[in-house]
Structure formats: C-alpha cells, structure tokens
Amino acid sequence: MGWLQRHAWFSFAVLGGATVGLTMLLAALSETRTPLRSTEPHQPGNGAEPPGAALVLRSLPRDTAAFADRSAELEALVRSVRVSQESGSALPVHVIDGMPGVGKTTFAVHAGHVLSEQFPDGQLFVNLNGHTTGRTPVQDTEALASLLAATGVPAQRIPVGDDVGAVAEARAAMWRSRLADK
C-alpha cells in the first residue's frame, strides 16, 4: 500500500489502460451485434409500418385503487358496450360531463381499464387539459397527431400545413382510416 501511495501515477495508468481496454471491447461487441429486422418486407396494406413507427396502444394512466360513488354509471356504461358488441351494432358514444375536479377523467380511465378486454386492439388516452391550471387546452389537430403517432404513423407522414381546418380534416380522415377495422 505504501508503494502505491508513493507511486500514485501507476494507479492512474492502470485505470486508464483498463478504461481503454473496456472501450475497445465494447466497440468490438457493438460492431458484431446485428440489429433485429423484420423478415417480411414492407408492402403497403400488409399491416407492417415503415421504420421509425412505434406503436403505443395501451396508454391509459394507472387505474385508481379507490374508485367509489359511480358504480351505477359504470355498470350502465359496461352493459351498453357489451350489449352493442354482442349484437354486432355500432358502439354508442358516451359523454362524461361535469364541473372541473369532479372525477370525469378518473371515471373514464377506470372505465377504460374495466373494459380493456373488450377492446384488444388498444386503449388510448389523450389528456386534453380542459381545466388544467396553467396549461392551454390541447387543440384537435394536436390530439389527432398524438393519436396517429401512438398508432404507429411516422411523424413525417402526419399531415401538416398552414390551413388548420384542412390539416384537422386530413388528420381526422387518416385516423378514421387507421381505425376502420379495429
């Protein structure tokens, strides 16, 4: 130990040599590693997405452990969805309204978790910041862009432009197309 104290430079030299050696080893390993690739070539309409498209089809926030006081509404919603699916009819649109802070988002997220098995293609969540202090509400074009990205549309394929109405309609059309068979 006394020798190392008198020749501290030797410790630094050994440490530097070890660092260089590990760096070279990592570089060699990264060159020999082959990236995972799909064996099926991308063809329009085959369901494969272009490179860079990431699917995020389960984006619900964590469910609450203490859900109370809305069991009748939740039961009616679940029953409505199940009856519609069993009969093969279109799902009705359900609207949750109320004053800020009464639990609309909590109810919607909880219902999403309860119904998740009924929707195997995914459950998506967009926080619209309708009544979030200090945050501006999310515009329809922004919400559509985030939904399209979550379903695997690369950013460069999401419609953009100066005409906000045309962009919103183009994104909505793309969204309808993405969900046509879901």
N, C-alpha and C. Protein backbone atom coordinates (compact mmCIF):
# COMPACT_ATOMS: atom_id res chain seq x y z
N MET A 1 0.82 -1.18 0.00
CA MET A 1 0.00 0.00 0.00
C MET A 1 0.87 1.26 0.00
N GLY A 2 1.97 1.21 0.76
CA GLY A 2 2.87 2.36 0.80
C GLY A 2 3.48 2.65 -0.55
N TRP A 3 3.80 1.56 -1.33
CA TRP A 3 4.38 1.76 -2.66
C TRP A 3 3.39 2.48 -3.56
N LEU A 4 2.06 2.11 -3.50
CA LEU A 4 1.05 2.77 -4.32
C LEU A 4 0.89 4.23 -3.93
N GLN A 5 1.05 4.52 -2.66
CA GLN A 5 0.95 5.91 -2.22
C GLN A 5 2.12 6.74 -2.76
N ARG A 6 3.30 6.15 -2.79
CA ARG A 6 4.47 6.87 -3.31
C ARG A 6 4.43 6.98 -4.83
N HIS A 7 3.79 6.00 -5.52
CA HIS A 7 3.74 5.98 -6.99
C HIS A 7 2.28 6.02 -7.46
N ALA A 8 1.58 7.08 -7.11
CA ALA A 8 0.15 7.21 -7.43
C ALA A 8 -0.10 7.21 -8.93
N TRP A 9 0.87 7.69 -9.71
CA TRP A 9 0.71 7.72 -11.16
C TRP A 9 0.48 6.34 -11.73
N PHE A 10 1.05 5.29 -11.08
CA PHE A 10 0.89 3.92 -11.55
C PHE A 10 -0.59 3.49 -11.49
N SER A 11 -1.30 3.87 -10.42
CA SER A 11 -2.72 3.55 -10.28
C SER A 11 -3.53 4.19 -11.40
N PHE A 12 -3.20 5.46 -11.70
CA PHE A 12 -3.90 6.15 -12.77
C PHE A 12 -3.62 5.51 -14.13
N ALA A 13 -2.40 5.07 -14.33
CA ALA A 13 -2.04 4.42 -15.59
C ALA A 13 -2.79 3.10 -15.76
N VAL A 14 -2.87 2.31 -14.69
CA VAL A 14 -3.60 1.05 -14.75
C VAL A 14 -5.08 1.30 -15.01
N LEU A 15 -5.64 2.28 -14.31
CA LEU A 15 -7.04 2.62 -14.51
C LEU A 15 -7.30 3.10 -15.95
N GLY A 16 -6.41 3.93 -16.48
CA GLY A 16 -6.56 4.39 -17.87
C GLY A 16 -6.46 3.25 -18.85
N GLY A 17 -5.52 2.33 -18.63
CA GLY A 17 -5.38 1.17 -19.52
C GLY A 17 -6.63 0.29 -19.49
N ALA A 18 -7.19 0.10 -18.29
CA ALA A 18 -8.41 -0.70 -18.17
C ALA A 18 -9.57 -0.03 -18.91
N THR A 19 -9.65 1.30 -18.80
CA THR A 19 -10.72 2.04 -19.48
C THR A 19 -10.59 1.90 -20.99
N VAL A 20 -9.38 2.04 -21.51
CA VAL A 20 -9.16 1.90 -22.95
C VAL A 20 -9.50 0.48 -23.40
N GLY A 21 -9.08 -0.50 -22.64
CA GLY A 21 -9.37 -1.89 -22.99
C GLY A 21 -10.87 -2.19 -23.01
N LEU A 22 -11.59 -1.71 -22.00
CA LEU A 22 -13.04 -1.92 -21.97
C LEU A 22 -13.74 -1.18 -23.11
N THR A 23 -13.27 0.01 -23.43
CA THR A 23 -13.84 0.77 -24.54
C THR A 23 -13.67 0.02 -25.86
N MET A 24 -12.47 -0.54 -26.07
CA MET A 24 -12.22 -1.31 -27.30
C MET A 24 -13.09 -2.57 -27.33
N LEU A 25 -13.27 -3.21 -26.21
CA LEU A 25 -14.11 -4.40 -26.15
C LEU A 25 -15.56 -4.06 -26.47
N LEU A 26 -16.08 -2.99 -25.89
CA LEU A 26 -17.46 -2.57 -26.18
C LEU A 26 -17.63 -2.19 -27.65
N ALA A 27 -16.65 -1.52 -28.22
CA ALA A 27 -16.72 -1.15 -29.64
C ALA A 27 -16.75 -2.39 -30.51
N ALA A 28 -15.93 -3.38 -30.18
CA ALA A 28 -15.91 -4.61 -30.98
C ALA A 28 -17.23 -5.36 -30.84
N LEU A 29 -17.77 -5.40 -29.66
CA LEU A 29 -19.05 -6.09 -29.46
C LEU A 29 -20.19 -5.40 -30.20
N SER A 30 -20.20 -4.06 -30.20
CA SER A 30 -21.28 -3.35 -30.87
C SER A 30 -21.19 -3.51 -32.39
N GLU A 31 -19.99 -3.70 -32.95
CA GLU A 31 -19.84 -3.91 -34.39
C GLU A 31 -20.32 -5.28 -34.81
N THR A 32 -20.18 -6.27 -33.96
CA THR A 32 -20.57 -7.64 -34.34
C THR A 32 -22.03 -7.91 -34.08
N ARG A 33 -22.68 -7.07 -33.30
CA ARG A 33 -24.08 -7.27 -32.99
C ARG A 33 -24.92 -6.88 -34.20
N THR A 34 -25.85 -7.74 -34.62
CA THR A 34 -26.70 -7.43 -35.76
C THR A 34 -28.05 -6.97 -35.24
N PRO A 35 -28.58 -5.89 -35.81
CA PRO A 35 -29.88 -5.40 -35.35
C PRO A 35 -30.99 -6.36 -35.76
N LEU A 36 -32.04 -6.37 -34.95
CA LEU A 36 -33.20 -7.19 -35.27
C LEU A 36 -33.97 -6.53 -36.39
N ARG A 37 -34.32 -7.31 -37.39
CA ARG A 37 -35.09 -6.79 -38.52
C ARG A 37 -36.23 -7.73 -38.82
N SER A 38 -37.27 -7.17 -39.37
CA SER A 38 -38.40 -7.98 -39.79
C SER A 38 -38.00 -8.77 -41.03
N THR A 39 -38.41 -10.02 -41.10
CA THR A 39 -38.12 -10.82 -42.27
C THR A 39 -39.11 -10.54 -43.40
N GLU A 40 -40.21 -9.89 -43.06
CA GLU A 40 -41.22 -9.58 -44.07
C GLU A 40 -41.00 -8.16 -44.60
N PRO A 41 -40.81 -8.01 -45.91
CA PRO A 41 -40.59 -6.66 -46.45
C PRO A 41 -41.84 -5.81 -46.31
N HIS A 42 -41.64 -4.50 -46.18
CA HIS A 42 -42.77 -3.58 -46.07
C HIS A 42 -43.49 -3.47 -47.41
N GLN A 43 -44.77 -3.72 -47.36
CA GLN A 43 -45.61 -3.53 -48.53
C GLN A 43 -46.83 -2.76 -48.09
N PRO A 44 -47.27 -1.77 -48.87
CA PRO A 44 -48.46 -1.03 -48.49
C PRO A 44 -49.63 -1.98 -48.31
N GLY A 45 -50.34 -1.80 -47.21
CA GLY A 45 -51.54 -2.61 -46.98
C GLY A 45 -51.29 -3.92 -46.27
N ASN A 46 -50.03 -4.30 -45.99
CA ASN A 46 -49.81 -5.58 -45.32
C ASN A 46 -49.80 -5.43 -43.81
N GLY A 47 -50.03 -4.23 -43.28
CA GLY A 47 -50.08 -4.00 -41.84
C GLY A 47 -48.74 -3.67 -41.24
N ALA A 48 -47.65 -3.86 -41.98
CA ALA A 48 -46.32 -3.51 -41.47
C ALA A 48 -46.15 -2.01 -41.56
N GLU A 49 -45.47 -1.45 -40.58
CA GLU A 49 -45.29 0.00 -40.57
C GLU A 49 -43.88 0.34 -41.06
N PRO A 50 -43.71 1.52 -41.63
CA PRO A 50 -42.38 1.95 -42.05
C PRO A 50 -41.44 2.04 -40.84
N PRO A 51 -40.14 1.99 -41.08
CA PRO A 51 -39.19 2.12 -39.97
C PRO A 51 -39.44 3.40 -39.20
N GLY A 52 -39.26 3.34 -37.90
CA GLY A 52 -39.43 4.52 -37.06
C GLY A 52 -40.82 4.65 -36.48
N ALA A 53 -41.75 3.84 -36.92
CA ALA A 53 -43.10 3.92 -36.38
C ALA A 53 -43.17 3.08 -35.11
N ALA A 54 -43.61 3.69 -34.02
CA ALA A 54 -43.72 2.99 -32.74
C ALA A 54 -45.18 2.88 -32.36
N LEU A 55 -45.58 1.71 -31.95
CA LEU A 55 -46.96 1.51 -31.51
C LEU A 55 -47.04 1.68 -30.00
N VAL A 56 -48.00 2.47 -29.57
CA VAL A 56 -48.27 2.68 -28.15
C VAL A 56 -49.77 2.52 -27.99
N LEU A 57 -50.21 1.27 -27.96
CA LEU A 57 -51.65 1.03 -27.97
C LEU A 57 -52.26 0.78 -26.59
N ARG A 58 -51.50 0.95 -25.56
CA ARG A 58 -52.00 0.79 -24.20
C ARG A 58 -51.52 2.01 -23.40
N SER A 59 -52.16 3.16 -23.58
CA SER A 59 -51.65 4.39 -22.97
C SER A 59 -52.51 4.91 -21.83
N LEU A 60 -53.40 4.09 -21.30
CA LEU A 60 -54.22 4.55 -20.18
C LEU A 60 -53.32 4.81 -18.96
N PRO A 61 -53.58 5.89 -18.25
CA PRO A 61 -52.86 6.08 -16.99
C PRO A 61 -53.23 4.97 -16.01
N ARG A 62 -52.47 4.87 -14.96
CA ARG A 62 -52.73 3.86 -13.94
C ARG A 62 -54.14 4.02 -13.39
N ASP A 63 -54.80 2.89 -13.15
CA ASP A 63 -56.15 2.90 -12.59
C ASP A 63 -56.09 3.30 -11.12
N THR A 64 -57.18 3.84 -10.64
CA THR A 64 -57.26 4.23 -9.24
C THR A 64 -57.60 3.02 -8.38
N ALA A 65 -57.07 3.00 -7.20
CA ALA A 65 -57.36 1.90 -6.27
C ALA A 65 -58.61 2.20 -5.46
N ALA A 66 -58.99 3.47 -5.38
CA ALA A 66 -60.13 3.86 -4.55
C ALA A 66 -61.22 4.49 -5.41
N PHE A 67 -61.85 3.68 -6.24
CA PHE A 67 -62.92 4.20 -7.09
C PHE A 67 -64.24 4.01 -6.36
N ALA A 68 -65.00 5.07 -6.19
CA ALA A 68 -66.26 4.97 -5.45
C ALA A 68 -67.27 5.95 -5.99
N ASP A 69 -68.51 5.66 -5.70
CA ASP A 69 -69.61 6.60 -5.92
C ASP A 69 -70.10 6.72 -7.36
N ARG A 70 -69.62 5.92 -8.26
CA ARG A 70 -70.09 5.97 -9.64
C ARG A 70 -70.38 4.56 -10.17
N SER A 71 -70.68 3.63 -9.30
CA SER A 71 -70.87 2.24 -9.72
C SER A 71 -72.07 2.09 -10.65
N ALA A 72 -73.15 2.83 -10.43
CA ALA A 72 -74.31 2.72 -11.31
C ALA A 72 -73.98 3.20 -12.72
N GLU A 73 -73.26 4.32 -12.82
CA GLU A 73 -72.88 4.85 -14.12
C GLU A 73 -71.91 3.91 -14.83
N LEU A 74 -70.97 3.37 -14.07
CA LEU A 74 -70.01 2.44 -14.64
C LEU A 74 -70.71 1.17 -15.14
N GLU A 75 -71.62 0.66 -14.35
CA GLU A 75 -72.37 -0.55 -14.75
C GLU A 75 -73.18 -0.29 -16.01
N ALA A 76 -73.81 0.86 -16.12
CA ALA A 76 -74.59 1.20 -17.32
C ALA A 76 -73.68 1.29 -18.54
N LEU A 77 -72.51 1.89 -18.38
CA LEU A 77 -71.56 2.01 -19.49
C LEU A 77 -71.08 0.64 -19.94
N VAL A 78 -70.67 -0.19 -19.01
CA VAL A 78 -70.17 -1.53 -19.33
C VAL A 78 -71.26 -2.35 -20.00
N ARG A 79 -72.47 -2.30 -19.48
CA ARG A 79 -73.60 -3.03 -20.06
C ARG A 79 -73.86 -2.56 -21.49
N SER A 80 -73.84 -1.26 -21.72
CA SER A 80 -74.08 -0.70 -23.05
C SER A 80 -73.05 -1.20 -24.06
N VAL A 81 -71.78 -1.21 -23.66
CA VAL A 81 -70.71 -1.67 -24.55
C VAL A 81 -70.88 -3.15 -24.85
N ARG A 82 -71.13 -3.94 -23.83
CA ARG A 82 -71.26 -5.39 -24.04
C ARG A 82 -72.46 -5.73 -24.90
N VAL A 83 -73.59 -5.07 -24.68
CA VAL A 83 -74.79 -5.33 -25.49
C VAL A 83 -74.52 -4.96 -26.94
N SER A 84 -73.88 -3.83 -27.17
CA SER A 84 -73.56 -3.40 -28.54
C SER A 84 -72.63 -4.40 -29.22
N GLN A 85 -71.61 -4.86 -28.50
CA GLN A 85 -70.68 -5.81 -29.10
C GLN A 85 -71.34 -7.16 -29.36
N GLU A 86 -72.17 -7.61 -28.44
CA GLU A 86 -72.84 -8.90 -28.63
C GLU A 86 -73.82 -8.86 -29.79
N SER A 87 -74.50 -7.73 -29.97
CA SER A 87 -75.48 -7.62 -31.06
C SER A 87 -74.83 -7.27 -32.38
N GLY A 88 -73.55 -6.88 -32.35
CA GLY A 88 -72.86 -6.51 -33.58
C GLY A 88 -73.19 -5.11 -34.06
N SER A 89 -73.88 -4.34 -33.24
CA SER A 89 -74.22 -2.97 -33.63
C SER A 89 -73.08 -2.02 -33.29
N ALA A 90 -73.15 -0.84 -33.85
CA ALA A 90 -72.12 0.17 -33.60
C ALA A 90 -72.16 0.58 -32.13
N LEU A 91 -70.98 0.83 -31.60
CA LEU A 91 -70.92 1.27 -30.21
C LEU A 91 -71.45 2.69 -30.09
N PRO A 92 -72.30 2.93 -29.10
CA PRO A 92 -72.77 4.30 -28.91
C PRO A 92 -71.67 5.17 -28.32
N VAL A 93 -71.77 6.46 -28.53
CA VAL A 93 -70.84 7.40 -27.95
C VAL A 93 -71.36 7.76 -26.56
N HIS A 94 -70.49 7.66 -25.58
CA HIS A 94 -70.84 8.03 -24.21
C HIS A 94 -70.08 9.29 -23.85
N VAL A 95 -70.79 10.25 -23.27
CA VAL A 95 -70.19 11.52 -22.91
C VAL A 95 -70.20 11.64 -21.38
N ILE A 96 -69.07 12.04 -20.84
CA ILE A 96 -68.95 12.26 -19.41
C ILE A 96 -68.80 13.76 -19.21
N ASP A 97 -69.74 14.37 -18.50
CA ASP A 97 -69.63 15.81 -18.30
C ASP A 97 -69.76 16.13 -16.82
N GLY A 98 -69.37 17.34 -16.49
CA GLY A 98 -69.45 17.80 -15.11
C GLY A 98 -68.48 18.93 -14.87
N MET A 99 -68.56 19.48 -13.71
CA MET A 99 -67.70 20.59 -13.31
C MET A 99 -66.25 20.11 -13.21
N PRO A 100 -65.29 21.04 -13.31
CA PRO A 100 -63.89 20.66 -13.13
C PRO A 100 -63.66 20.04 -11.75
N GLY A 101 -62.89 18.96 -11.74
CA GLY A 101 -62.50 18.36 -10.48
C GLY A 101 -63.46 17.35 -9.89
N VAL A 102 -64.53 16.99 -10.61
CA VAL A 102 -65.50 16.05 -10.03
C VAL A 102 -65.15 14.59 -10.32
N GLY A 103 -64.12 14.35 -11.14
CA GLY A 103 -63.69 12.97 -11.38
C GLY A 103 -64.03 12.41 -12.75
N LYS A 104 -64.23 13.28 -13.74
CA LYS A 104 -64.56 12.80 -15.09
C LYS A 104 -63.43 11.95 -15.67
N THR A 105 -62.21 12.44 -15.56
CA THR A 105 -61.07 11.70 -16.10
C THR A 105 -60.86 10.40 -15.33
N THR A 106 -60.97 10.45 -14.03
CA THR A 106 -60.82 9.24 -13.22
C THR A 106 -61.86 8.20 -13.62
N PHE A 107 -63.10 8.63 -13.82
CA PHE A 107 -64.16 7.72 -14.25
C PHE A 107 -63.83 7.12 -15.61
N ALA A 108 -63.42 7.96 -16.56
CA ALA A 108 -63.12 7.49 -17.92
C ALA A 108 -61.95 6.50 -17.91
N VAL A 109 -60.90 6.81 -17.15
CA VAL A 109 -59.74 5.92 -17.08
C VAL A 109 -60.14 4.60 -16.42
N HIS A 110 -60.90 4.66 -15.34
CA HIS A 110 -61.34 3.43 -14.67
C HIS A 110 -62.20 2.59 -15.61
N ALA A 111 -63.13 3.22 -16.32
CA ALA A 111 -63.96 2.50 -17.29
C ALA A 111 -63.09 1.88 -18.38
N GLY A 112 -62.07 2.59 -18.83
CA GLY A 112 -61.15 2.04 -19.83
C GLY A 112 -60.46 0.79 -19.34
N HIS A 113 -60.05 0.79 -18.08
CA HIS A 113 -59.41 -0.40 -17.52
C HIS A 113 -60.41 -1.55 -17.37
N VAL A 114 -61.61 -1.24 -16.92
CA VAL A 114 -62.64 -2.28 -16.75
C VAL A 114 -62.98 -2.90 -18.10
N LEU A 115 -63.02 -2.10 -19.15
CA LEU A 115 -63.42 -2.57 -20.48
C LEU A 115 -62.23 -2.98 -21.36
N SER A 116 -61.03 -2.99 -20.85
CA SER A 116 -59.86 -3.23 -21.68
C SER A 116 -59.92 -4.56 -22.43
N GLU A 117 -60.45 -5.60 -21.83
CA GLU A 117 -60.53 -6.89 -22.53
C GLU A 117 -61.52 -6.85 -23.69
N GLN A 118 -62.46 -5.94 -23.65
CA GLN A 118 -63.43 -5.80 -24.74
C GLN A 118 -62.81 -5.11 -25.96
N PHE A 119 -61.67 -4.48 -25.76
CA PHE A 119 -61.02 -3.73 -26.83
C PHE A 119 -59.56 -4.18 -26.97
N PRO A 120 -59.35 -5.37 -27.55
CA PRO A 120 -57.99 -5.92 -27.64
C PRO A 120 -57.08 -5.13 -28.59
N ASP A 121 -57.63 -4.29 -29.45
CA ASP A 121 -56.80 -3.50 -30.36
C ASP A 121 -56.11 -2.35 -29.65
N GLY A 122 -56.56 -2.01 -28.45
CA GLY A 122 -55.88 -0.97 -27.69
C GLY A 122 -56.82 -0.04 -26.95
N GLN A 123 -56.23 0.69 -26.03
CA GLN A 123 -56.93 1.73 -25.28
C GLN A 123 -56.00 2.94 -25.26
N LEU A 124 -56.43 4.02 -25.87
CA LEU A 124 -55.59 5.21 -25.97
C LEU A 124 -56.12 6.32 -25.07
N PHE A 125 -55.23 7.11 -24.55
CA PHE A 125 -55.58 8.21 -23.65
C PHE A 125 -54.91 9.48 -24.15
N VAL A 126 -55.69 10.55 -24.21
CA VAL A 126 -55.15 11.87 -24.55
C VAL A 126 -55.63 12.83 -23.48
N ASN A 127 -54.71 13.46 -22.78
CA ASN A 127 -55.08 14.46 -21.78
C ASN A 127 -55.30 15.77 -22.53
N LEU A 128 -56.53 16.23 -22.57
CA LEU A 128 -56.88 17.43 -23.31
C LEU A 128 -56.64 18.72 -22.53
N ASN A 129 -56.28 18.60 -21.26
CA ASN A 129 -56.01 19.77 -20.40
C ASN A 129 -57.16 20.77 -20.42
N GLY A 130 -58.38 20.27 -20.43
CA GLY A 130 -59.54 21.15 -20.50
C GLY A 130 -59.63 22.13 -19.35
N HIS A 131 -59.29 21.69 -18.16
CA HIS A 131 -59.37 22.56 -16.99
C HIS A 131 -58.10 22.49 -16.17
N THR A 132 -56.97 22.23 -16.82
CA THR A 132 -55.70 22.14 -16.10
C THR A 132 -55.12 23.54 -15.92
N THR A 133 -54.95 23.94 -14.68
CA THR A 133 -54.43 25.27 -14.37
C THR A 133 -53.03 25.43 -14.96
N GLY A 134 -52.84 26.53 -15.66
CA GLY A 134 -51.53 26.84 -16.22
C GLY A 134 -51.23 26.16 -17.54
N ARG A 135 -52.14 25.38 -18.07
CA ARG A 135 -51.92 24.69 -19.35
C ARG A 135 -53.04 25.06 -20.30
N THR A 136 -52.70 25.29 -21.54
CA THR A 136 -53.72 25.59 -22.54
C THR A 136 -54.34 24.27 -23.01
N PRO A 137 -55.63 24.28 -23.29
CA PRO A 137 -56.27 23.06 -23.79
C PRO A 137 -55.62 22.59 -25.10
N VAL A 138 -55.58 21.30 -25.28
CA VAL A 138 -54.99 20.71 -26.48
C VAL A 138 -55.92 20.94 -27.67
N GLN A 139 -55.35 21.40 -28.77
CA GLN A 139 -56.12 21.62 -29.98
C GLN A 139 -56.42 20.28 -30.66
N ASP A 140 -57.49 20.24 -31.47
CA ASP A 140 -57.88 18.99 -32.12
C ASP A 140 -56.78 18.45 -33.02
N THR A 141 -56.07 19.33 -33.71
CA THR A 141 -55.00 18.85 -34.60
C THR A 141 -53.86 18.21 -33.80
N GLU A 142 -53.56 18.78 -32.63
CA GLU A 142 -52.51 18.21 -31.78
C GLU A 142 -52.94 16.86 -31.22
N ALA A 143 -54.20 16.75 -30.80
CA ALA A 143 -54.71 15.48 -30.27
C ALA A 143 -54.68 14.41 -31.35
N LEU A 144 -55.10 14.76 -32.55
CA LEU A 144 -55.08 13.79 -33.65
C LEU A 144 -53.66 13.37 -33.99
N ALA A 145 -52.73 14.31 -33.98
CA ALA A 145 -51.34 13.97 -34.26
C ALA A 145 -50.80 12.99 -33.22
N SER A 146 -51.12 13.21 -31.95
CA SER A 146 -50.62 12.29 -30.92
C SER A 146 -51.27 10.92 -31.04
N LEU A 147 -52.54 10.86 -31.41
CA LEU A 147 -53.20 9.57 -31.61
C LEU A 147 -52.63 8.84 -32.82
N LEU A 148 -52.38 9.55 -33.90
CA LEU A 148 -51.79 8.93 -35.08
C LEU A 148 -50.41 8.39 -34.78
N ALA A 149 -49.62 9.17 -34.05
CA ALA A 149 -48.28 8.72 -33.67
C ALA A 149 -48.36 7.48 -32.78
N ALA A 150 -49.32 7.45 -31.87
CA ALA A 150 -49.47 6.30 -30.97
C ALA A 150 -49.84 5.03 -31.73
N THR A 151 -50.52 5.17 -32.86
CA THR A 151 -50.90 4.01 -33.65
C THR A 151 -49.87 3.66 -34.70
N GLY A 152 -48.69 4.29 -34.64
CA GLY A 152 -47.58 3.89 -35.49
C GLY A 152 -47.34 4.71 -36.73
N VAL A 153 -48.03 5.83 -36.88
CA VAL A 153 -47.79 6.67 -38.06
C VAL A 153 -46.53 7.49 -37.81
N PRO A 154 -45.52 7.36 -38.67
CA PRO A 154 -44.30 8.16 -38.50
C PRO A 154 -44.62 9.65 -38.61
N ALA A 155 -43.89 10.46 -37.87
CA ALA A 155 -44.14 11.90 -37.81
C ALA A 155 -44.15 12.53 -39.20
N GLN A 156 -43.27 12.07 -40.09
CA GLN A 156 -43.20 12.67 -41.43
C GLN A 156 -44.42 12.35 -42.30
N ARG A 157 -45.25 11.39 -41.87
CA ARG A 157 -46.46 11.06 -42.64
C ARG A 157 -47.72 11.71 -42.08
N ILE A 158 -47.63 12.35 -40.92
CA ILE A 158 -48.79 13.03 -40.33
C ILE A 158 -48.98 14.35 -41.08
N PRO A 159 -50.19 14.58 -41.62
CA PRO A 159 -50.43 15.80 -42.42
C PRO A 159 -50.13 17.08 -41.64
N VAL A 160 -49.51 18.03 -42.35
CA VAL A 160 -49.20 19.35 -41.81
C VAL A 160 -49.58 20.40 -42.86
N GLY A 161 -49.61 21.65 -42.46
CA GLY A 161 -49.90 22.72 -43.41
C GLY A 161 -50.32 23.98 -42.70
N ASP A 162 -50.56 25.02 -43.48
CA ASP A 162 -50.95 26.31 -42.92
C ASP A 162 -52.45 26.41 -42.68
N ASP A 163 -53.24 25.67 -43.43
CA ASP A 163 -54.70 25.69 -43.28
C ASP A 163 -55.10 24.73 -42.17
N VAL A 164 -55.36 25.28 -40.98
CA VAL A 164 -55.64 24.46 -39.79
C VAL A 164 -56.85 23.56 -40.03
N GLY A 165 -57.87 24.06 -40.69
CA GLY A 165 -59.06 23.26 -40.97
C GLY A 165 -58.75 22.07 -41.87
N ALA A 166 -57.96 22.32 -42.91
CA ALA A 166 -57.60 21.24 -43.83
C ALA A 166 -56.71 20.21 -43.14
N VAL A 167 -55.80 20.67 -42.29
CA VAL A 167 -54.92 19.76 -41.55
C VAL A 167 -55.76 18.90 -40.61
N ALA A 168 -56.70 19.53 -39.91
CA ALA A 168 -57.56 18.78 -38.98
C ALA A 168 -58.36 17.72 -39.74
N GLU A 169 -58.91 18.09 -40.88
CA GLU A 169 -59.70 17.13 -41.65
C GLU A 169 -58.83 16.00 -42.20
N ALA A 170 -57.65 16.33 -42.68
CA ALA A 170 -56.74 15.30 -43.20
C ALA A 170 -56.31 14.34 -42.09
N ARG A 171 -56.01 14.88 -40.92
CA ARG A 171 -55.63 14.01 -39.80
C ARG A 171 -56.82 13.17 -39.34
N ALA A 172 -58.00 13.76 -39.32
CA ALA A 172 -59.19 13.00 -38.92
C ALA A 172 -59.47 11.88 -39.92
N ALA A 173 -59.29 12.15 -41.20
CA ALA A 173 -59.50 11.12 -42.22
C ALA A 173 -58.49 9.99 -42.05
N MET A 174 -57.23 10.35 -41.78
CA MET A 174 -56.21 9.33 -41.55
C MET A 174 -56.54 8.52 -40.30
N TRP A 175 -57.04 9.18 -39.26
CA TRP A 175 -57.42 8.50 -38.02
C TRP A 175 -58.56 7.52 -38.29
N ARG A 176 -59.57 7.94 -39.03
CA ARG A 176 -60.69 7.04 -39.36
C ARG A 176 -60.19 5.85 -40.16
N SER A 177 -59.27 6.11 -41.09
CA SER A 177 -58.71 5.03 -41.89
C SER A 177 -57.93 4.04 -41.03
N ARG A 178 -57.15 4.55 -40.09
CA ARG A 178 -56.36 3.68 -39.20
C ARG A 178 -57.25 2.79 -38.34
N LEU A 179 -58.43 3.30 -37.97
CA LEU A 179 -59.30 2.56 -37.06
C LEU A 179 -60.44 1.82 -37.76
N ALA A 180 -60.46 1.83 -39.07
CA ALA A 180 -61.59 1.27 -39.82
C ALA A 180 -61.94 -0.16 -39.43
N ASP A 181 -60.99 -1.02 -39.20
CA ASP A 181 -61.26 -2.41 -38.87
C ASP A 181 -60.92 -2.76 -37.43
N LYS A 182 -60.86 -1.77 -36.59
CA LYS A 182 -60.49 -2.00 -35.19
C LYS A 182 -61.72 -1.94 -34.31
